[in-house]
Amino acid sequence: MNKAEIRQAQLAKLVRADNSWEKEAQELCLYEQLFALSCWKKAQTIGLTLSQKGEIDTKPLILQARLQHKRICLPRTLPQRQLQFFELQKTSKLEKSSFGIWQPALTERKVAKNALDLLIIPGLAFTAQGQRIGYGGGYYDRFLAGFAGDTVALAER
């Protein structure tokens, strides 16, 4: 299968996804694995997206990070397929992007790329060789160029 076919198959799977106990148990296992990683433990500033229906729920990651006094930063899409991260605070204003993804308002506090210690990478699927297949916009591919922090991708089986 090529990237486009893998992307279409994974999108169809997400549409069919439900909130079954099996899915929740699998997510819990992923969270435990993530929280045990040294890159999570040492990170003070973490970038991640707010999950959409069918994706791995990122709310538990945000809650755990807050319990551990870590900063959470969310991406906002910008012109020319760029990403900028903004700090998520209790009073942060969020708005839906043209893709239907909740993102910080431009009035929130920007965070420099090199200030992120850990970036949790979203993806529709990952090849056996570890190649990420996203939604096709290339936003994360551009952002990752020159990114010096740690990265982790969470993927369901």
N, C-alpha and C. Protein backbone atom coordinates (compact mmCIF):
# COMPACT_ATOMS: atom_id res chain seq x y z
N MET A 1 0.84 -1.19 0.00
CA MET A 1 0.00 0.00 0.00
C MET A 1 0.88 1.25 0.00
N ASN A 2 0.47 2.25 -0.73
CA ASN A 2 1.20 3.51 -0.70
C ASN A 2 0.64 4.38 0.44
N LYS A 3 1.27 5.55 0.67
CA LYS A 3 0.85 6.42 1.78
C LYS A 3 -0.61 6.83 1.68
N ALA A 4 -1.06 7.16 0.50
CA ALA A 4 -2.45 7.61 0.33
C ALA A 4 -3.43 6.49 0.67
N GLU A 5 -3.11 5.26 0.28
CA GLU A 5 -3.99 4.13 0.58
C GLU A 5 -4.00 3.81 2.07
N ILE A 6 -2.83 3.89 2.71
CA ILE A 6 -2.74 3.67 4.16
C ILE A 6 -3.54 4.74 4.89
N ARG A 7 -3.39 5.99 4.45
CA ARG A 7 -4.11 7.11 5.06
C ARG A 7 -5.62 6.88 4.96
N GLN A 8 -6.12 6.50 3.79
CA GLN A 8 -7.55 6.27 3.59
C GLN A 8 -8.06 5.11 4.45
N ALA A 9 -7.28 4.04 4.54
CA ALA A 9 -7.68 2.89 5.36
C ALA A 9 -7.75 3.27 6.83
N GLN A 10 -6.79 4.05 7.29
CA GLN A 10 -6.76 4.44 8.70
C GLN A 10 -7.90 5.42 9.01
N LEU A 11 -8.19 6.34 8.10
CA LEU A 11 -9.31 7.26 8.29
C LEU A 11 -10.62 6.49 8.40
N ALA A 12 -10.79 5.47 7.57
CA ALA A 12 -12.00 4.65 7.64
C ALA A 12 -12.08 3.92 8.97
N LYS A 13 -10.94 3.47 9.48
CA LYS A 13 -10.90 2.80 10.78
C LYS A 13 -11.29 3.76 11.89
N LEU A 14 -10.82 5.00 11.83
CA LEU A 14 -11.16 5.99 12.85
C LEU A 14 -12.66 6.28 12.86
N VAL A 15 -13.27 6.32 11.69
CA VAL A 15 -14.71 6.58 11.60
C VAL A 15 -15.49 5.47 12.30
N ARG A 16 -14.99 4.23 12.17
CA ARG A 16 -15.66 3.08 12.78
C ARG A 16 -15.33 2.92 14.26
N ALA A 17 -14.31 3.61 14.74
CA ALA A 17 -13.84 3.42 16.12
C ALA A 17 -14.94 3.77 17.12
N ASP A 18 -14.99 2.98 18.17
CA ASP A 18 -15.95 3.27 19.23
C ASP A 18 -15.18 3.39 20.55
N ASN A 19 -15.89 3.73 21.59
CA ASN A 19 -15.26 3.88 22.90
C ASN A 19 -15.43 2.59 23.70
N SER A 20 -14.99 1.49 23.14
CA SER A 20 -15.11 0.20 23.79
C SER A 20 -14.10 0.08 24.94
N TRP A 21 -14.39 -0.87 25.81
CA TRP A 21 -13.47 -1.13 26.92
C TRP A 21 -12.10 -1.56 26.40
N GLU A 22 -12.10 -2.29 25.29
CA GLU A 22 -10.84 -2.74 24.72
C GLU A 22 -9.97 -1.55 24.30
N LYS A 23 -10.59 -0.58 23.66
CA LYS A 23 -9.87 0.62 23.23
C LYS A 23 -9.34 1.39 24.44
N GLU A 24 -10.17 1.53 25.45
CA GLU A 24 -9.74 2.24 26.66
C GLU A 24 -8.61 1.52 27.37
N ALA A 25 -8.66 0.20 27.42
CA ALA A 25 -7.59 -0.58 28.05
C ALA A 25 -6.29 -0.42 27.28
N GLN A 26 -6.39 -0.41 25.95
CA GLN A 26 -5.20 -0.23 25.12
C GLN A 26 -4.60 1.16 25.34
N GLU A 27 -5.45 2.18 25.44
CA GLU A 27 -4.97 3.54 25.70
C GLU A 27 -4.29 3.62 27.07
N LEU A 28 -4.88 3.00 28.07
CA LEU A 28 -4.30 3.01 29.41
C LEU A 28 -2.90 2.40 29.39
N CYS A 29 -2.74 1.33 28.66
CA CYS A 29 -1.43 0.70 28.51
C CYS A 29 -0.43 1.65 27.85
N LEU A 30 -0.88 2.37 26.82
CA LEU A 30 -0.01 3.34 26.15
C LEU A 30 0.40 4.47 27.10
N TYR A 31 -0.56 4.96 27.89
CA TYR A 31 -0.26 6.03 28.85
C TYR A 31 0.80 5.57 29.85
N GLU A 32 0.62 4.37 30.37
CA GLU A 32 1.58 3.84 31.35
C GLU A 32 2.97 3.73 30.75
N GLN A 33 3.04 3.26 29.50
CA GLN A 33 4.33 3.15 28.82
C GLN A 33 4.96 4.53 28.63
N LEU A 34 4.15 5.51 28.23
CA LEU A 34 4.66 6.86 28.03
C LEU A 34 5.18 7.45 29.33
N PHE A 35 4.39 7.34 30.40
CA PHE A 35 4.78 7.94 31.68
C PHE A 35 6.02 7.29 32.28
N ALA A 36 6.36 6.09 31.83
CA ALA A 36 7.56 5.40 32.32
C ALA A 36 8.82 5.79 31.54
N LEU A 37 8.66 6.45 30.40
CA LEU A 37 9.82 6.84 29.58
C LEU A 37 10.61 7.95 30.25
N SER A 38 11.92 7.89 30.11
CA SER A 38 12.76 8.94 30.69
C SER A 38 12.51 10.29 30.05
N CYS A 39 12.17 10.32 28.75
CA CYS A 39 11.92 11.61 28.09
C CYS A 39 10.67 12.28 28.68
N TRP A 40 9.65 11.50 29.09
CA TRP A 40 8.48 12.08 29.76
C TRP A 40 8.89 12.59 31.15
N LYS A 41 9.61 11.78 31.87
CA LYS A 41 9.98 12.13 33.24
C LYS A 41 10.80 13.41 33.31
N LYS A 42 11.73 13.59 32.37
CA LYS A 42 12.61 14.77 32.43
C LYS A 42 12.00 16.01 31.76
N ALA A 43 11.00 15.81 30.91
CA ALA A 43 10.41 16.94 30.17
C ALA A 43 9.66 17.88 31.10
N GLN A 44 9.87 19.17 30.90
CA GLN A 44 9.13 20.19 31.63
C GLN A 44 8.10 20.87 30.75
N THR A 45 8.35 20.88 29.44
CA THR A 45 7.44 21.51 28.47
C THR A 45 7.13 20.50 27.38
N ILE A 46 5.85 20.16 27.24
CA ILE A 46 5.42 19.09 26.34
C ILE A 46 4.43 19.65 25.31
N GLY A 47 4.68 19.35 24.06
CA GLY A 47 3.78 19.73 22.98
C GLY A 47 2.94 18.54 22.56
N LEU A 48 1.63 18.74 22.42
CA LEU A 48 0.73 17.70 21.93
C LEU A 48 -0.52 18.33 21.37
N THR A 49 -1.31 17.55 20.66
CA THR A 49 -2.55 18.05 20.09
C THR A 49 -3.73 17.62 20.96
N LEU A 50 -4.83 18.32 20.84
CA LEU A 50 -6.07 17.88 21.46
C LEU A 50 -6.67 16.83 20.51
N SER A 51 -6.92 15.66 21.03
CA SER A 51 -7.37 14.55 20.19
C SER A 51 -8.76 14.80 19.64
N GLN A 52 -9.00 14.16 18.52
CA GLN A 52 -10.30 14.17 17.87
C GLN A 52 -10.95 12.80 18.07
N LYS A 53 -12.22 12.70 17.74
CA LYS A 53 -12.94 11.44 17.88
C LYS A 53 -12.21 10.32 17.14
N GLY A 54 -12.06 9.20 17.82
CA GLY A 54 -11.41 8.04 17.23
C GLY A 54 -9.92 7.99 17.47
N GLU A 55 -9.30 9.11 17.82
CA GLU A 55 -7.86 9.14 18.08
C GLU A 55 -7.60 8.77 19.54
N ILE A 56 -6.34 8.50 19.85
CA ILE A 56 -5.95 8.25 21.23
C ILE A 56 -6.24 9.52 22.02
N ASP A 57 -6.97 9.37 23.11
CA ASP A 57 -7.40 10.50 23.93
C ASP A 57 -6.19 11.16 24.60
N THR A 58 -6.01 12.45 24.36
CA THR A 58 -4.86 13.15 24.95
C THR A 58 -5.22 13.88 26.25
N LYS A 59 -6.50 13.89 26.64
CA LYS A 59 -6.86 14.55 27.91
C LYS A 59 -6.13 13.93 29.11
N PRO A 60 -6.02 12.59 29.19
CA PRO A 60 -5.27 12.03 30.32
C PRO A 60 -3.80 12.46 30.35
N LEU A 61 -3.22 12.71 29.19
CA LEU A 61 -1.83 13.19 29.14
C LEU A 61 -1.73 14.59 29.72
N ILE A 62 -2.70 15.43 29.39
CA ILE A 62 -2.73 16.80 29.90
C ILE A 62 -2.91 16.79 31.41
N LEU A 63 -3.83 15.96 31.89
CA LEU A 63 -4.06 15.88 33.34
C LEU A 63 -2.83 15.39 34.08
N GLN A 64 -2.19 14.35 33.56
CA GLN A 64 -0.98 13.83 34.22
C GLN A 64 0.14 14.87 34.21
N ALA A 65 0.29 15.56 33.10
CA ALA A 65 1.32 16.60 33.02
C ALA A 65 1.06 17.70 34.05
N ARG A 66 -0.18 18.10 34.19
CA ARG A 66 -0.51 19.13 35.18
C ARG A 66 -0.23 18.64 36.60
N LEU A 67 -0.55 17.38 36.88
CA LEU A 67 -0.26 16.82 38.21
C LEU A 67 1.24 16.84 38.50
N GLN A 68 2.03 16.71 37.45
CA GLN A 68 3.49 16.69 37.59
C GLN A 68 4.11 18.07 37.35
N HIS A 69 3.28 19.10 37.31
CA HIS A 69 3.73 20.50 37.15
C HIS A 69 4.54 20.72 35.88
N LYS A 70 4.10 20.09 34.80
CA LYS A 70 4.72 20.28 33.49
C LYS A 70 3.86 21.26 32.70
N ARG A 71 4.49 21.96 31.77
CA ARG A 71 3.76 22.87 30.87
C ARG A 71 3.30 22.09 29.66
N ILE A 72 2.05 22.33 29.26
CA ILE A 72 1.51 21.72 28.05
C ILE A 72 1.34 22.81 27.00
N CYS A 73 1.74 22.49 25.78
CA CYS A 73 1.64 23.44 24.67
C CYS A 73 0.88 22.77 23.53
N LEU A 74 0.00 23.55 22.93
CA LEU A 74 -0.83 23.06 21.82
C LEU A 74 -0.45 23.76 20.53
N PRO A 75 -0.55 23.06 19.40
CA PRO A 75 -0.21 23.68 18.12
C PRO A 75 -1.38 24.45 17.52
N ARG A 76 -1.01 25.43 16.75
CA ARG A 76 -1.96 26.17 15.93
C ARG A 76 -1.40 26.18 14.52
N THR A 77 -2.27 25.93 13.53
CA THR A 77 -1.81 25.97 12.15
C THR A 77 -1.74 27.42 11.69
N LEU A 78 -0.72 27.69 10.92
CA LEU A 78 -0.47 29.03 10.38
C LEU A 78 -0.37 28.96 8.86
N PRO A 79 -0.36 30.10 8.20
CA PRO A 79 -0.19 30.09 6.73
C PRO A 79 1.10 29.37 6.33
N GLN A 80 1.14 28.93 5.11
CA GLN A 80 2.27 28.21 4.52
C GLN A 80 2.56 26.90 5.26
N ARG A 81 1.47 26.31 5.79
CA ARG A 81 1.53 25.00 6.44
C ARG A 81 2.56 24.93 7.57
N GLN A 82 2.56 25.96 8.38
CA GLN A 82 3.46 26.04 9.52
C GLN A 82 2.67 25.79 10.81
N LEU A 83 3.39 25.36 11.86
CA LEU A 83 2.82 25.18 13.18
C LEU A 83 3.50 26.12 14.16
N GLN A 84 2.73 26.65 15.09
CA GLN A 84 3.27 27.43 16.22
C GLN A 84 2.62 26.85 17.46
N PHE A 85 3.41 26.63 18.50
CA PHE A 85 2.86 26.11 19.74
C PHE A 85 2.59 27.25 20.71
N PHE A 86 1.50 27.06 21.49
CA PHE A 86 1.07 28.04 22.48
C PHE A 86 0.84 27.30 23.80
N GLU A 87 1.17 27.96 24.89
CA GLU A 87 1.00 27.34 26.20
C GLU A 87 -0.48 27.21 26.55
N LEU A 88 -0.86 26.03 27.03
CA LEU A 88 -2.22 25.79 27.48
C LEU A 88 -2.32 26.14 28.96
N GLN A 89 -3.18 27.08 29.26
CA GLN A 89 -3.41 27.48 30.64
C GLN A 89 -4.89 27.29 30.96
N LYS A 90 -5.24 27.36 32.22
CA LYS A 90 -6.64 27.16 32.63
C LYS A 90 -7.57 28.16 31.96
N THR A 91 -7.06 29.33 31.64
CA THR A 91 -7.89 30.38 31.03
C THR A 91 -7.71 30.49 29.51
N SER A 92 -7.00 29.56 28.92
CA SER A 92 -6.74 29.63 27.48
C SER A 92 -8.03 29.61 26.68
N LYS A 93 -8.03 30.42 25.64
CA LYS A 93 -9.15 30.43 24.70
C LYS A 93 -8.79 29.52 23.53
N LEU A 94 -9.74 28.63 23.20
CA LEU A 94 -9.53 27.71 22.08
C LEU A 94 -10.55 28.01 21.00
N GLU A 95 -10.17 27.72 19.76
CA GLU A 95 -11.08 27.89 18.64
C GLU A 95 -10.84 26.75 17.65
N LYS A 96 -11.86 26.45 16.88
CA LYS A 96 -11.73 25.37 15.90
C LYS A 96 -11.03 25.86 14.65
N SER A 97 -10.08 25.05 14.18
CA SER A 97 -9.39 25.37 12.93
C SER A 97 -10.29 24.99 11.75
N SER A 98 -9.84 25.32 10.56
CA SER A 98 -10.59 24.95 9.36
C SER A 98 -10.62 23.43 9.17
N PHE A 99 -9.73 22.71 9.89
CA PHE A 99 -9.71 21.24 9.85
C PHE A 99 -10.62 20.64 10.91
N GLY A 100 -11.24 21.49 11.75
CA GLY A 100 -12.11 21.00 12.81
C GLY A 100 -11.37 20.62 14.08
N ILE A 101 -10.12 21.05 14.20
CA ILE A 101 -9.29 20.72 15.36
C ILE A 101 -9.27 21.92 16.31
N TRP A 102 -9.45 21.65 17.60
CA TRP A 102 -9.37 22.73 18.58
C TRP A 102 -7.92 23.16 18.72
N GLN A 103 -7.70 24.47 18.67
CA GLN A 103 -6.35 25.04 18.76
C GLN A 103 -6.41 26.33 19.55
N PRO A 104 -5.27 26.76 20.09
CA PRO A 104 -5.23 28.00 20.86
C PRO A 104 -5.51 29.22 19.98
N ALA A 105 -6.12 30.22 20.59
CA ALA A 105 -6.32 31.50 19.90
C ALA A 105 -4.96 32.17 19.74
N LEU A 106 -4.85 33.02 18.75
CA LEU A 106 -3.58 33.73 18.50
C LEU A 106 -3.18 34.65 19.65
N THR A 107 -4.12 34.96 20.54
CA THR A 107 -3.83 35.83 21.67
C THR A 107 -3.13 35.11 22.82
N GLU A 108 -3.01 33.79 22.74
CA GLU A 108 -2.35 33.03 23.81
C GLU A 108 -0.83 33.18 23.73
N ARG A 109 -0.14 32.74 24.77
CA ARG A 109 1.30 32.90 24.87
C ARG A 109 2.04 31.90 23.97
N LYS A 110 2.81 32.41 23.00
CA LYS A 110 3.60 31.58 22.09
C LYS A 110 4.74 30.91 22.86
N VAL A 111 5.12 29.73 22.35
CA VAL A 111 6.25 28.99 22.91
C VAL A 111 7.22 28.72 21.76
N ALA A 112 8.47 29.04 21.96
CA ALA A 112 9.48 28.83 20.92
C ALA A 112 9.70 27.33 20.69
N LYS A 113 10.01 26.98 19.45
CA LYS A 113 10.24 25.58 19.08
C LYS A 113 11.28 24.93 20.00
N ASN A 114 12.36 25.64 20.27
CA ASN A 114 13.42 25.05 21.08
C ASN A 114 13.09 25.00 22.57
N ALA A 115 11.93 25.53 22.97
CA ALA A 115 11.51 25.46 24.37
C ALA A 115 10.75 24.16 24.67
N LEU A 116 10.35 23.44 23.63
CA LEU A 116 9.65 22.18 23.83
C LEU A 116 10.66 21.07 24.13
N ASP A 117 10.50 20.42 25.26
CA ASP A 117 11.39 19.31 25.63
C ASP A 117 10.95 18.00 24.98
N LEU A 118 9.63 17.85 24.84
CA LEU A 118 9.06 16.62 24.32
C LEU A 118 7.88 16.97 23.42
N LEU A 119 7.81 16.31 22.29
CA LEU A 119 6.70 16.51 21.36
C LEU A 119 6.04 15.16 21.13
N ILE A 120 4.76 15.08 21.46
CA ILE A 120 3.99 13.86 21.23
C ILE A 120 3.36 14.01 19.86
N ILE A 121 3.81 13.18 18.94
CA ILE A 121 3.49 13.31 17.53
C ILE A 121 2.20 12.57 17.20
N PRO A 122 1.24 13.27 16.60
CA PRO A 122 0.04 12.56 16.15
C PRO A 122 0.31 11.90 14.80
N GLY A 123 -0.42 10.85 14.54
CA GLY A 123 -0.30 10.19 13.25
C GLY A 123 -1.46 9.25 13.04
N LEU A 124 -1.85 9.09 11.81
CA LEU A 124 -2.91 8.13 11.49
C LEU A 124 -2.39 6.72 11.59
N ALA A 125 -1.15 6.53 11.13
CA ALA A 125 -0.55 5.20 11.13
C ALA A 125 0.96 5.36 11.06
N PHE A 126 1.64 4.28 11.33
CA PHE A 126 3.09 4.26 11.25
C PHE A 126 3.50 2.98 10.54
N THR A 127 4.43 3.09 9.61
CA THR A 127 4.88 1.90 8.90
C THR A 127 5.77 1.07 9.81
N ALA A 128 6.07 -0.16 9.39
CA ALA A 128 6.95 -1.03 10.17
C ALA A 128 8.33 -0.40 10.34
N GLN A 129 8.70 0.48 9.41
CA GLN A 129 10.00 1.16 9.48
C GLN A 129 9.94 2.43 10.32
N GLY A 130 8.76 2.72 10.89
CA GLY A 130 8.62 3.90 11.74
C GLY A 130 8.24 5.17 11.02
N GLN A 131 7.95 5.08 9.72
CA GLN A 131 7.56 6.28 8.97
C GLN A 131 6.15 6.69 9.38
N ARG A 132 5.99 7.96 9.72
CA ARG A 132 4.71 8.50 10.15
C ARG A 132 3.85 8.83 8.94
N ILE A 133 2.58 8.46 9.04
CA ILE A 133 1.60 8.82 8.01
C ILE A 133 0.57 9.69 8.71
N GLY A 134 0.56 10.96 8.37
CA GLY A 134 -0.36 11.91 8.99
C GLY A 134 -1.58 12.13 8.12
N TYR A 135 -2.19 13.27 8.31
CA TYR A 135 -3.41 13.59 7.56
C TYR A 135 -3.11 14.15 6.18
N GLY A 136 -1.84 14.39 5.86
CA GLY A 136 -1.49 14.78 4.50
C GLY A 136 -1.13 16.24 4.31
N GLY A 137 -1.15 17.04 5.36
CA GLY A 137 -0.84 18.45 5.21
C GLY A 137 0.65 18.78 5.34
N GLY A 138 1.41 17.90 5.97
CA GLY A 138 2.85 18.12 6.12
C GLY A 138 3.23 19.10 7.22
N TYR A 139 2.28 19.52 8.05
CA TYR A 139 2.57 20.49 9.11
C TYR A 139 3.63 19.96 10.07
N TYR A 140 3.46 18.75 10.56
CA TYR A 140 4.42 18.20 11.51
C TYR A 140 5.75 17.89 10.84
N ASP A 141 5.73 17.45 9.60
CA ASP A 141 6.98 17.18 8.89
C ASP A 141 7.83 18.45 8.83
N ARG A 142 7.19 19.57 8.54
CA ARG A 142 7.92 20.85 8.48
C ARG A 142 8.41 21.25 9.88
N PHE A 143 7.55 21.08 10.88
CA PHE A 143 7.92 21.48 12.23
C PHE A 143 9.08 20.64 12.76
N LEU A 144 9.08 19.36 12.45
CA LEU A 144 10.12 18.47 12.96
C LEU A 144 11.49 18.73 12.35
N ALA A 145 11.52 19.37 11.19
CA ALA A 145 12.81 19.72 10.59
C ALA A 145 13.51 20.71 11.51
N GLY A 146 14.62 20.31 12.04
CA GLY A 146 15.37 21.19 12.94
C GLY A 146 14.89 21.15 14.38
N PHE A 147 13.94 20.29 14.71
CA PHE A 147 13.48 20.18 16.10
C PHE A 147 14.48 19.34 16.88
N ALA A 148 14.96 19.88 18.01
CA ALA A 148 16.01 19.22 18.77
C ALA A 148 15.51 18.44 19.98
N GLY A 149 14.25 18.60 20.34
CA GLY A 149 13.72 17.91 21.51
C GLY A 149 13.43 16.46 21.24
N ASP A 150 12.94 15.78 22.25
CA ASP A 150 12.55 14.37 22.12
C ASP A 150 11.18 14.29 21.45
N THR A 151 10.93 13.19 20.75
CA THR A 151 9.64 12.95 20.14
C THR A 151 9.16 11.55 20.49
N VAL A 152 7.84 11.44 20.66
CA VAL A 152 7.21 10.14 20.91
C VAL A 152 5.94 10.10 20.08
N ALA A 153 5.70 8.98 19.45
CA ALA A 153 4.46 8.78 18.71
C ALA A 153 3.66 7.69 19.42
N LEU A 154 2.40 7.98 19.70
CA LEU A 154 1.52 6.99 20.30
C LEU A 154 0.66 6.40 19.20
N ALA A 155 0.66 5.09 19.08
CA ALA A 155 -0.13 4.45 18.04
C ALA A 155 -0.82 3.22 18.60
N GLU A 156 -2.08 3.06 18.23
CA GLU A 156 -2.81 1.86 18.60
C GLU A 156 -2.49 0.77 17.60
N ARG A 157 -2.64 -0.46 18.05
CA ARG A 157 -2.40 -1.59 17.16
C ARG A 157 -3.64 -1.95 16.42
